[in-house]
PDB file of N, CA and C in Angstrom:
ATOM      1  N   UNK A   1     -21.731 -44.994 -73.414  1.00  0.00           N
ATOM      2  CA  UNK A   1     -21.064 -43.968 -72.650  1.00  0.00           C
ATOM      3  C   UNK A   1     -20.461 -42.961 -73.615  1.00  0.00           C
ATOM      4  N   UNK A   2     -20.767 -41.708 -73.407  1.00  0.00           N
ATOM      5  CA  UNK A   2     -20.275 -40.645 -74.270  1.00  0.00           C
ATOM      6  C   UNK A   2     -19.193 -39.855 -73.536  1.00  0.00           C
ATOM      7  N   UNK A   3     -18.048 -39.698 -74.189  1.00  0.00           N
ATOM      8  CA  UNK A   3     -16.953 -38.943 -73.589  1.00  0.00           C
ATOM      9  C   UNK A   3     -16.882 -37.559 -74.210  1.00  0.00           C
ATOM     10  N   UNK A   4     -16.794 -36.577 -73.350  1.00  0.00           N
ATOM     11  CA  UNK A   4     -16.709 -35.195 -73.798  1.00  0.00           C
ATOM     12  C   UNK A   4     -15.276 -34.923 -74.277  1.00  0.00           C
ATOM     13  N   UNK A   5     -15.108 -34.494 -75.521  1.00  0.00           N
ATOM     14  CA  UNK A   5     -13.761 -34.250 -76.049  1.00  0.00           C
ATOM     15  C   UNK A   5     -12.967 -33.230 -75.216  1.00  0.00           C
ATOM     16  N   UNK A   6     -13.628 -32.226 -74.718  1.00  0.00           N
ATOM     17  CA  UNK A   6     -12.926 -31.218 -73.905  1.00  0.00           C
ATOM     18  C   UNK A   6     -12.444 -31.822 -72.584  1.00  0.00           C
ATOM     19  N   UNK A   7     -13.249 -32.698 -71.994  1.00  0.00           N
ATOM     20  CA  UNK A   7     -12.823 -33.386 -70.772  1.00  0.00           C
ATOM     21  C   UNK A   7     -11.603 -34.265 -71.043  1.00  0.00           C
ATOM     22  N   UNK A   8     -11.604 -34.919 -72.194  1.00  0.00           N
ATOM     23  CA  UNK A   8     -10.459 -35.755 -72.564  1.00  0.00           C
ATOM     24  C   UNK A   8      -9.198 -34.920 -72.755  1.00  0.00           C
ATOM     25  N   UNK A   9      -9.336 -33.765 -73.411  1.00  0.00           N
ATOM     26  CA  UNK A   9      -8.184 -32.878 -73.599  1.00  0.00           C
ATOM     27  C   UNK A   9      -7.673 -32.375 -72.250  1.00  0.00           C
ATOM     28  N   UNK A  10      -8.572 -31.995 -71.389  1.00  0.00           N
ATOM     29  CA  UNK A  10      -8.195 -31.515 -70.059  1.00  0.00           C
ATOM     30  C   UNK A  10      -7.465 -32.605 -69.285  1.00  0.00           C
ATOM     31  N   UNK A  11      -7.985 -33.812 -69.366  1.00  0.00           N
ATOM     32  CA  UNK A  11      -7.357 -34.951 -68.684  1.00  0.00           C
ATOM     33  C   UNK A  11      -5.952 -35.195 -69.231  1.00  0.00           C
ATOM     34  N   UNK A  12      -5.794 -35.136 -70.546  1.00  0.00           N
ATOM     35  CA  UNK A  12      -4.502 -35.384 -71.172  1.00  0.00           C
ATOM     36  C   UNK A  12      -3.480 -34.304 -70.828  1.00  0.00           C
ATOM     37  N   UNK A  13      -3.949 -33.091 -70.552  1.00  0.00           N
ATOM     38  CA  UNK A  13      -3.049 -31.964 -70.257  1.00  0.00           C
ATOM     39  C   UNK A  13      -2.685 -31.865 -68.774  1.00  0.00           C
ATOM     40  N   UNK A  14      -3.172 -32.786 -67.977  1.00  0.00           N
ATOM     41  CA  UNK A  14      -2.857 -32.757 -66.549  1.00  0.00           C
ATOM     42  C   UNK A  14      -1.357 -32.776 -66.310  1.00  0.00           C
ATOM     43  N   UNK A  15      -0.954 -32.288 -65.160  1.00  0.00           N
ATOM     44  CA  UNK A  15       0.460 -32.311 -64.775  1.00  0.00           C
ATOM     45  C   UNK A  15       0.774 -33.705 -64.256  1.00  0.00           C
ATOM     46  N   UNK A  16       1.162 -34.591 -65.163  1.00  0.00           N
ATOM     47  CA  UNK A  16       1.388 -35.986 -64.807  1.00  0.00           C
ATOM     48  C   UNK A  16       2.640 -36.182 -63.962  1.00  0.00           C
ATOM     49  N   UNK A  17       3.525 -35.232 -63.949  1.00  0.00           N
ATOM     50  CA  UNK A  17       4.744 -35.379 -63.158  1.00  0.00           C
ATOM     51  C   UNK A  17       4.569 -34.897 -61.719  1.00  0.00           C
ATOM     52  N   UNK A  18       3.451 -34.255 -61.407  1.00  0.00           N
ATOM     53  CA  UNK A  18       3.239 -33.721 -60.056  1.00  0.00           C
ATOM     54  C   UNK A  18       3.327 -34.787 -58.962  1.00  0.00           C
ATOM     55  N   UNK A  19       2.694 -35.934 -59.101  1.00  0.00           N
ATOM     56  CA  UNK A  19       2.796 -36.937 -58.025  1.00  0.00           C
ATOM     57  C   UNK A  19       4.237 -37.369 -57.752  1.00  0.00           C
ATOM     58  N   UNK A  20       5.021 -37.539 -58.808  1.00  0.00           N
ATOM     59  CA  UNK A  20       6.425 -37.932 -58.615  1.00  0.00           C
ATOM     60  C   UNK A  20       7.203 -36.817 -57.934  1.00  0.00           C
ATOM     61  N   UNK A  21       6.968 -35.564 -58.333  1.00  0.00           N
ATOM     62  CA  UNK A  21       7.663 -34.441 -57.686  1.00  0.00           C
ATOM     63  C   UNK A  21       7.330 -34.380 -56.205  1.00  0.00           C
ATOM     64  N   UNK A  22       6.056 -34.546 -55.872  1.00  0.00           N
ATOM     65  CA  UNK A  22       5.643 -34.514 -54.470  1.00  0.00           C
ATOM     66  C   UNK A  22       6.252 -35.669 -53.688  1.00  0.00           C
ATOM     67  N   UNK A  23       6.280 -36.846 -54.292  1.00  0.00           N
ATOM     68  CA  UNK A  23       6.868 -38.007 -53.626  1.00  0.00           C
ATOM     69  C   UNK A  23       8.369 -37.808 -53.434  1.00  0.00           C
ATOM     70  N   UNK A  24       9.029 -37.224 -54.437  1.00  0.00           N
ATOM     71  CA  UNK A  24      10.468 -36.985 -54.342  1.00  0.00           C
ATOM     72  C   UNK A  24      10.769 -36.015 -53.200  1.00  0.00           C
ATOM     73  N   UNK A  25       9.967 -34.972 -53.079  1.00  0.00           N
ATOM     74  CA  UNK A  25      10.156 -34.018 -51.974  1.00  0.00           C
ATOM     75  C   UNK A  25       9.951 -34.691 -50.626  1.00  0.00           C
ATOM     76  N   UNK A  26       8.933 -35.534 -50.542  1.00  0.00           N
ATOM     77  CA  UNK A  26       8.670 -36.236 -49.281  1.00  0.00           C
ATOM     78  C   UNK A  26       9.828 -37.163 -48.936  1.00  0.00           C
ATOM     79  N   UNK A  27      10.355 -37.866 -49.940  1.00  0.00           N
ATOM     80  CA  UNK A  27      11.495 -38.753 -49.691  1.00  0.00           C
ATOM     81  C   UNK A  27      12.726 -37.960 -49.268  1.00  0.00           C
ATOM     82  N   UNK A  28      12.918 -36.785 -49.841  1.00  0.00           N
ATOM     83  CA  UNK A  28      14.080 -35.961 -49.502  1.00  0.00           C
ATOM     84  C   UNK A  28      14.034 -35.520 -48.041  1.00  0.00           C
ATOM     85  N   UNK A  29      12.834 -35.358 -47.501  1.00  0.00           N
ATOM     86  CA  UNK A  29      12.694 -34.918 -46.106  1.00  0.00           C
ATOM     87  C   UNK A  29      12.764 -36.064 -45.107  1.00  0.00           C
ATOM     88  N   UNK A  30      12.802 -37.292 -45.595  1.00  0.00           N
ATOM     89  CA  UNK A  30      12.860 -38.434 -44.678  1.00  0.00           C
ATOM     90  C   UNK A  30      14.209 -38.461 -43.959  1.00  0.00           C
ATOM     91  N   UNK A  31      14.214 -38.922 -42.717  1.00  0.00           N
ATOM     92  CA  UNK A  31      15.491 -39.067 -42.012  1.00  0.00           C
ATOM     93  C   UNK A  31      16.390 -40.087 -42.714  1.00  0.00           C
ATOM     94  N   UNK A  32      17.688 -39.900 -42.586  1.00  0.00           N
ATOM     95  CA  UNK A  32      18.659 -40.797 -43.224  1.00  0.00           C
ATOM     96  C   UNK A  32      18.404 -42.237 -42.791  1.00  0.00           C
ATOM     97  N   UNK A  33      18.093 -42.449 -41.530  1.00  0.00           N
ATOM     98  CA  UNK A  33      17.831 -43.801 -41.024  1.00  0.00           C
ATOM     99  C   UNK A  33      16.703 -44.470 -41.819  1.00  0.00           C
ATOM    100  N   UNK A  34      15.661 -43.709 -42.132  1.00  0.00           N
ATOM    101  CA  UNK A  34      14.532 -44.243 -42.905  1.00  0.00           C
ATOM    102  C   UNK A  34      14.962 -44.575 -44.327  1.00  0.00           C
ATOM    103  N   UNK A  35      15.750 -43.697 -44.936  1.00  0.00           N
ATOM    104  CA  UNK A  35      16.229 -43.949 -46.296  1.00  0.00           C
ATOM    105  C   UNK A  35      17.081 -45.208 -46.352  1.00  0.00           C
ATOM    106  N   UNK A  36      17.932 -45.395 -45.361  1.00  0.00           N
ATOM    107  CA  UNK A  36      18.782 -46.586 -45.326  1.00  0.00           C
ATOM    108  C   UNK A  36      17.935 -47.839 -45.152  1.00  0.00           C
ATOM    109  N   UNK A  37      16.935 -47.778 -44.266  1.00  0.00           N
ATOM    110  CA  UNK A  37      16.052 -48.924 -44.044  1.00  0.00           C
ATOM    111  C   UNK A  37      15.334 -49.306 -45.341  1.00  0.00           C
ATOM    112  N   UNK A  38      14.831 -48.316 -46.053  1.00  0.00           N
ATOM    113  CA  UNK A  38      14.126 -48.570 -47.311  1.00  0.00           C
ATOM    114  C   UNK A  38      15.082 -49.168 -48.343  1.00  0.00           C
ATOM    115  N   UNK A  39      16.300 -48.633 -48.426  1.00  0.00           N
ATOM    116  CA  UNK A  39      17.279 -49.162 -49.382  1.00  0.00           C
ATOM    117  C   UNK A  39      17.592 -50.624 -49.082  1.00  0.00           C
ATOM    118  N   UNK A  40      17.746 -50.948 -47.810  1.00  0.00           N
ATOM    119  CA  UNK A  40      18.021 -52.337 -47.424  1.00  0.00           C
ATOM    120  C   UNK A  40      16.841 -53.235 -47.778  1.00  0.00           C
ATOM    121  N   UNK A  41      15.631 -52.762 -47.516  1.00  0.00           N
ATOM    122  CA  UNK A  41      14.442 -53.556 -47.852  1.00  0.00           C
ATOM    123  C   UNK A  41      14.344 -53.794 -49.356  1.00  0.00           C
ATOM    124  N   UNK A  42      14.639 -52.779 -50.156  1.00  0.00           N
ATOM    125  CA  UNK A  42      14.599 -52.937 -51.612  1.00  0.00           C
ATOM    126  C   UNK A  42      15.665 -53.928 -52.081  1.00  0.00           C
ATOM    127  N   UNK A  43      16.854 -53.829 -51.512  1.00  0.00           N
ATOM    128  CA  UNK A  43      17.935 -54.753 -51.862  1.00  0.00           C
ATOM    129  C   UNK A  43      17.534 -56.187 -51.528  1.00  0.00           C
ATOM    130  N   UNK A  44      17.002 -56.388 -50.327  1.00  0.00           N
ATOM    131  CA  UNK A  44      16.606 -57.741 -49.913  1.00  0.00           C
ATOM    132  C   UNK A  44      15.482 -58.288 -50.788  1.00  0.00           C
ATOM    133  N   UNK A  45      14.546 -57.432 -51.178  1.00  0.00           N
ATOM    134  CA  UNK A  45      13.459 -57.870 -52.058  1.00  0.00           C
ATOM    135  C   UNK A  45      14.020 -58.288 -53.424  1.00  0.00           C
ATOM    136  N   UNK A  46      14.973 -57.507 -53.931  1.00  0.00           N
ATOM    137  CA  UNK A  46      15.589 -57.851 -55.219  1.00  0.00           C
ATOM    138  C   UNK A  46      16.334 -59.174 -55.116  1.00  0.00           C
ATOM    139  N   UNK A  47      17.020 -59.405 -54.011  1.00  0.00           N
ATOM    140  CA  UNK A  47      17.765 -60.661 -53.830  1.00  0.00           C
ATOM    141  C   UNK A  47      16.830 -61.862 -53.728  1.00  0.00           C
ATOM    142  N   UNK A  48      15.651 -61.665 -53.144  1.00  0.00           N
ATOM    143  CA  UNK A  48      14.686 -62.768 -53.081  1.00  0.00           C
ATOM    144  C   UNK A  48      14.177 -63.116 -54.483  1.00  0.00           C
ATOM    145  N   UNK A  49      14.032 -62.107 -55.322  1.00  0.00           N
ATOM    146  CA  UNK A  49      13.563 -62.318 -56.687  1.00  0.00           C
ATOM    147  C   UNK A  49      14.662 -62.893 -57.572  1.00  0.00           C
ATOM    148  N   UNK A  50      15.874 -62.345 -57.418  1.00  0.00           N
ATOM    149  CA  UNK A  50      17.016 -62.779 -58.239  1.00  0.00           C
ATOM    150  C   UNK A  50      18.222 -62.965 -57.322  1.00  0.00           C
ATOM    151  N   UNK A  51      18.369 -64.125 -56.720  1.00  0.00           N
ATOM    152  CA  UNK A  51      19.454 -64.358 -55.755  1.00  0.00           C
ATOM    153  C   UNK A  51      20.860 -64.124 -56.320  1.00  0.00           C
ATOM    154  N   UNK A  52      21.028 -64.238 -57.620  1.00  0.00           N
ATOM    155  CA  UNK A  52      22.352 -64.060 -58.220  1.00  0.00           C
ATOM    156  C   UNK A  52      22.722 -62.582 -58.386  1.00  0.00           C
ATOM    157  N   UNK A  53      21.773 -61.698 -58.149  1.00  0.00           N
ATOM    158  CA  UNK A  53      21.985 -60.260 -58.345  1.00  0.00           C
ATOM    159  C   UNK A  53      22.582 -59.638 -57.103  1.00  0.00           C
ATOM    160  N   UNK A  54      23.449 -58.698 -57.196  1.00  0.00           N
ATOM    161  CA  UNK A  54      24.135 -58.275 -58.410  1.00  0.00           C
ATOM    162  C   UNK A  54      25.355 -59.147 -58.674  1.00  0.00           C
ATOM    163  N   UNK A  55      25.648 -59.298 -59.923  1.00  0.00           N
ATOM    164  CA  UNK A  55      26.825 -60.083 -60.293  1.00  0.00           C
ATOM    165  C   UNK A  55      28.089 -59.271 -59.995  1.00  0.00           C
ATOM    166  N   UNK A  56      29.218 -59.945 -59.999  1.00  0.00           N
ATOM    167  CA  UNK A  56      30.492 -59.245 -59.765  1.00  0.00           C
ATOM    168  C   UNK A  56      30.723 -58.188 -60.841  1.00  0.00           C
ATOM    169  N   UNK A  57      30.358 -58.499 -62.068  1.00  0.00           N
ATOM    170  CA  UNK A  57      30.503 -57.541 -63.169  1.00  0.00           C
ATOM    171  C   UNK A  57      29.646 -56.300 -62.925  1.00  0.00           C
ATOM    172  N   UNK A  58      28.398 -56.495 -62.484  1.00  0.00           N
ATOM    173  CA  UNK A  58      27.529 -55.348 -62.191  1.00  0.00           C
ATOM    174  C   UNK A  58      28.068 -54.526 -61.021  1.00  0.00           C
ATOM    175  N   UNK A  59      28.605 -55.190 -60.019  1.00  0.00           N
ATOM    176  CA  UNK A  59      29.187 -54.476 -58.873  1.00  0.00           C
ATOM    177  C   UNK A  59      30.353 -53.592 -59.327  1.00  0.00           C
ATOM    178  N   UNK A  60      31.223 -54.138 -60.173  1.00  0.00           N
ATOM    179  CA  UNK A  60      32.373 -53.371 -60.661  1.00  0.00           C
ATOM    180  C   UNK A  60      31.918 -52.169 -61.485  1.00  0.00           C
ATOM    181  N   UNK A  61      30.939 -52.393 -62.359  1.00  0.00           N
ATOM    182  CA  UNK A  61      30.419 -51.302 -63.185  1.00  0.00           C
ATOM    183  C   UNK A  61      29.784 -50.224 -62.305  1.00  0.00           C
ATOM    184  N   UNK A  62      29.045 -50.632 -61.295  1.00  0.00           N
ATOM    185  CA  UNK A  62      28.410 -49.686 -60.382  1.00  0.00           C
ATOM    186  C   UNK A  62      29.464 -48.857 -59.657  1.00  0.00           C
ATOM    187  N   UNK A  63      30.523 -49.509 -59.179  1.00  0.00           N
ATOM    188  CA  UNK A  63      31.596 -48.791 -58.500  1.00  0.00           C
ATOM    189  C   UNK A  63      32.252 -47.786 -59.443  1.00  0.00           C
ATOM    190  N   UNK A  64      32.509 -48.209 -60.676  1.00  0.00           N
ATOM    191  CA  UNK A  64      33.110 -47.292 -61.656  1.00  0.00           C
ATOM    192  C   UNK A  64      32.235 -46.060 -61.872  1.00  0.00           C
ATOM    193  N   UNK A  65      30.934 -46.263 -61.940  1.00  0.00           N
ATOM    194  CA  UNK A  65      30.008 -45.143 -62.138  1.00  0.00           C
ATOM    195  C   UNK A  65      30.017 -44.202 -60.927  1.00  0.00           C
ATOM    196  N   UNK A  66      30.091 -44.763 -59.732  1.00  0.00           N
ATOM    197  CA  UNK A  66      30.141 -43.926 -58.530  1.00  0.00           C
ATOM    198  C   UNK A  66      31.447 -43.124 -58.477  1.00  0.00           C
ATOM    199  N   UNK A  67      32.553 -43.753 -58.834  1.00  0.00           N
ATOM    200  CA  UNK A  67      33.840 -43.056 -58.850  1.00  0.00           C
ATOM    201  C   UNK A  67      33.807 -41.935 -59.876  1.00  0.00           C
ATOM    202  N   UNK A  68      33.246 -42.193 -61.047  1.00  0.00           N
ATOM    203  CA  UNK A  68      33.137 -41.169 -62.098  1.00  0.00           C
ATOM    204  C   UNK A  68      32.264 -40.011 -61.629  1.00  0.00           C
ATOM    205  N   UNK A  69      31.131 -40.319 -61.018  1.00  0.00           N
ATOM    206  CA  UNK A  69      30.245 -39.270 -60.524  1.00  0.00           C
ATOM    207  C   UNK A  69      30.948 -38.431 -59.459  1.00  0.00           C
ATOM    208  N   UNK A  70      31.669 -39.085 -58.547  1.00  0.00           N
ATOM    209  CA  UNK A  70      32.397 -38.373 -57.496  1.00  0.00           C
ATOM    210  C   UNK A  70      33.396 -37.404 -58.106  1.00  0.00           C
ATOM    211  N   UNK A  71      34.115 -37.860 -59.148  1.00  0.00           N
ATOM    212  CA  UNK A  71      35.101 -37.003 -59.815  1.00  0.00           C
ATOM    213  C   UNK A  71      34.414 -35.803 -60.474  1.00  0.00           C
ATOM    214  N   UNK A  72      33.274 -36.033 -61.111  1.00  0.00           N
ATOM    215  CA  UNK A  72      32.538 -34.932 -61.741  1.00  0.00           C
ATOM    216  C   UNK A  72      32.045 -33.933 -60.692  1.00  0.00           C
ATOM    217  N   UNK A  73      31.545 -34.438 -59.574  1.00  0.00           N
ATOM    218  CA  UNK A  73      31.088 -33.550 -58.508  1.00  0.00           C
ATOM    219  C   UNK A  73      32.249 -32.743 -57.926  1.00  0.00           C
ATOM    220  N   UNK A  74      33.391 -33.388 -57.764  1.00  0.00           N
ATOM    221  CA  UNK A  74      34.567 -32.675 -57.262  1.00  0.00           C
ATOM    222  C   UNK A  74      34.986 -31.562 -58.217  1.00  0.00           C
ATOM    223  N   UNK A  75      34.983 -31.855 -59.520  1.00  0.00           N
ATOM    224  CA  UNK A  75      35.335 -30.829 -60.509  1.00  0.00           C
ATOM    225  C   UNK A  75      34.308 -29.706 -60.516  1.00  0.00           C
ATOM    226  N   UNK A  76      33.039 -30.045 -60.397  1.00  0.00           N
ATOM    227  CA  UNK A  76      31.985 -29.031 -60.414  1.00  0.00           C
ATOM    228  C   UNK A  76      32.069 -28.125 -59.192  1.00  0.00           C
ATOM    229  N   UNK A  77      32.543 -28.643 -58.072  1.00  0.00           N
ATOM    230  CA  UNK A  77      32.660 -27.844 -56.850  1.00  0.00           C
ATOM    231  C   UNK A  77      33.657 -26.712 -57.027  1.00  0.00           C
ATOM    232  N   UNK A  78      34.638 -26.898 -57.913  1.00  0.00           N
ATOM    233  CA  UNK A  78      35.654 -25.879 -58.138  1.00  0.00           C
ATOM    234  C   UNK A  78      35.228 -24.811 -59.138  1.00  0.00           C
ATOM    235  N   UNK A  79      34.137 -25.009 -59.831  1.00  0.00           N
ATOM    236  CA  UNK A  79      33.727 -24.086 -60.897  1.00  0.00           C
ATOM    237  C   UNK A  79      33.491 -22.680 -60.363  1.00  0.00           C
ATOM    238  N   UNK A  80      32.768 -22.565 -59.262  1.00  0.00           N
ATOM    239  CA  UNK A  80      32.467 -21.234 -58.730  1.00  0.00           C
ATOM    240  C   UNK A  80      33.660 -20.566 -58.078  1.00  0.00           C
ATOM    241  N   UNK A  81      34.710 -21.305 -57.789  1.00  0.00           N
ATOM    242  CA  UNK A  81      35.876 -20.755 -57.096  1.00  0.00           C
ATOM    243  C   UNK A  81      36.822 -20.033 -58.046  1.00  0.00           C
ATOM    244  N   UNK A  82      36.605 -20.170 -59.336  1.00  0.00           N
ATOM    245  CA  UNK A  82      37.540 -19.561 -60.309  1.00  0.00           C
ATOM    246  C   UNK A  82      37.259 -18.117 -60.532  1.00  0.00           C
TER     247      UNK A  82
END
């Protein structure tokens, strides 16, 4: 089997992020109810694989990250008001 070097270059230069961008847009348009259902299904699948997950330590760290993000978003909301 002979591979054409130009075909290989063309293949390598493809927009590899396009499928993820399209999927992200599709997910963004999903109803909230669907997003919640999917999140619950993913959580339950993870628990079946690792019943000990998430640990109390991971839960605390996750909460801290959410609180930090909320604070950053609140500060960013005031930027345009100045």
